Amino acid sequence: MDKKDLIPGKTYLRKHSKTLHGKFGTKEAKAEGYIECMQVTPAGAVFFQSGNLLKLKDEEIEREVREEQ
């Protein structure tokens, strides 16, 4: 999603991958969750997710954030 299309107060779906390091090696895990746009900044945007503030850069927004469906 393009950053200019973000609307503060609207909820979006975030799909991302994480690398987990554990006792038996590393594993790539996929995760998704709903985030609420709080503020659009020159460097990216600030979102609210599960009681925490989440700051994403422009590249992360384009790659991970989708319209809620």
Protein backbone atom coordinates (compact mmCIF):
# COMPACT_ATOMS: atom_id res chain seq x y z
CA MET A 1 0.00 0.00 0.00
CA ASP A 2 1.23 3.48 -0.74
CA LYS A 3 1.76 5.76 2.27
CA LYS A 4 -0.24 8.60 0.70
CA ASP A 5 -3.36 6.38 0.79
CA LEU A 6 -3.22 5.88 4.59
CA ILE A 7 -6.02 7.48 6.60
CA PRO A 8 -5.44 8.17 10.33
CA GLY A 9 -8.02 6.31 12.43
CA LYS A 10 -8.57 3.56 9.84
CA THR A 11 -7.71 -0.10 10.46
CA TYR A 12 -5.42 -2.02 8.11
CA LEU A 13 -4.17 -5.59 7.84
CA ARG A 14 -0.43 -6.13 8.30
CA LYS A 15 1.17 -9.31 6.93
CA HIS A 16 4.84 -9.83 7.70
CA SER A 17 7.52 -12.47 8.22
CA LYS A 18 9.78 -12.93 11.21
CA THR A 19 12.90 -15.03 11.65
CA LEU A 20 12.76 -17.00 14.88
CA HIS A 21 16.00 -18.22 16.43
CA GLY A 22 15.62 -21.16 18.73
CA LYS A 23 17.26 -24.17 20.23
CA PHE A 24 16.87 -26.21 17.05
CA GLY A 25 17.93 -23.53 14.55
CA THR A 26 16.18 -20.70 12.77
CA LYS A 27 12.73 -20.74 11.27
CA GLU A 28 10.81 -18.25 9.13
CA ALA A 29 7.33 -17.55 10.55
CA LYS A 30 4.54 -15.58 8.89
CA ALA A 31 2.22 -13.43 10.95
CA GLU A 32 -0.68 -11.09 10.37
CA GLY A 33 -2.66 -8.71 12.52
CA TYR A 34 -4.80 -5.61 12.44
CA ILE A 35 -3.19 -2.22 13.00
CA GLU A 36 -4.78 1.20 13.32
CA CYS A 37 -3.11 4.17 11.62
CA MET A 38 -2.47 6.89 14.19
CA GLN A 39 -0.31 9.36 12.27
CA VAL A 40 1.44 9.65 8.90
CA THR A 41 4.97 11.06 9.23
CA PRO A 42 7.58 12.13 6.64
CA ALA A 43 9.60 8.95 7.31
CA GLY A 44 6.64 6.53 7.44
CA ALA A 45 3.67 6.14 9.78
CA VAL A 46 2.77 5.35 13.38
CA PHE A 47 0.26 2.57 14.05
CA PHE A 48 -1.45 1.19 17.16
CA GLN A 49 -1.44 -2.60 17.59
CA SER A 50 -2.42 -4.58 20.70
CA GLY A 51 -1.69 -1.74 23.11
CA ASN A 52 1.66 -0.85 21.53
CA LEU A 53 2.80 1.84 19.13
CA LEU A 54 4.34 0.49 15.95
CA LYS A 55 6.49 2.71 13.72
CA LEU A 56 6.83 1.55 10.11
CA LYS A 57 9.03 3.09 7.43
CA ASP A 58 7.84 3.77 3.87
CA GLU A 59 9.33 0.50 2.53
CA GLU A 60 7.68 -1.56 5.27
CA ILE A 61 4.31 0.08 4.62
CA GLU A 62 4.48 -0.74 0.91
CA ARG A 63 5.49 -4.34 1.58
CA GLU A 64 3.36 -5.27 4.63
CA VAL A 65 0.22 -3.11 4.96
CA ARG A 66 -2.99 -4.02 3.12
CA GLU A 67 -6.55 -2.66 3.05
CA GLU A 68 -8.81 -4.32 5.61
CA GLN A 69 -11.15 -6.84 4.00
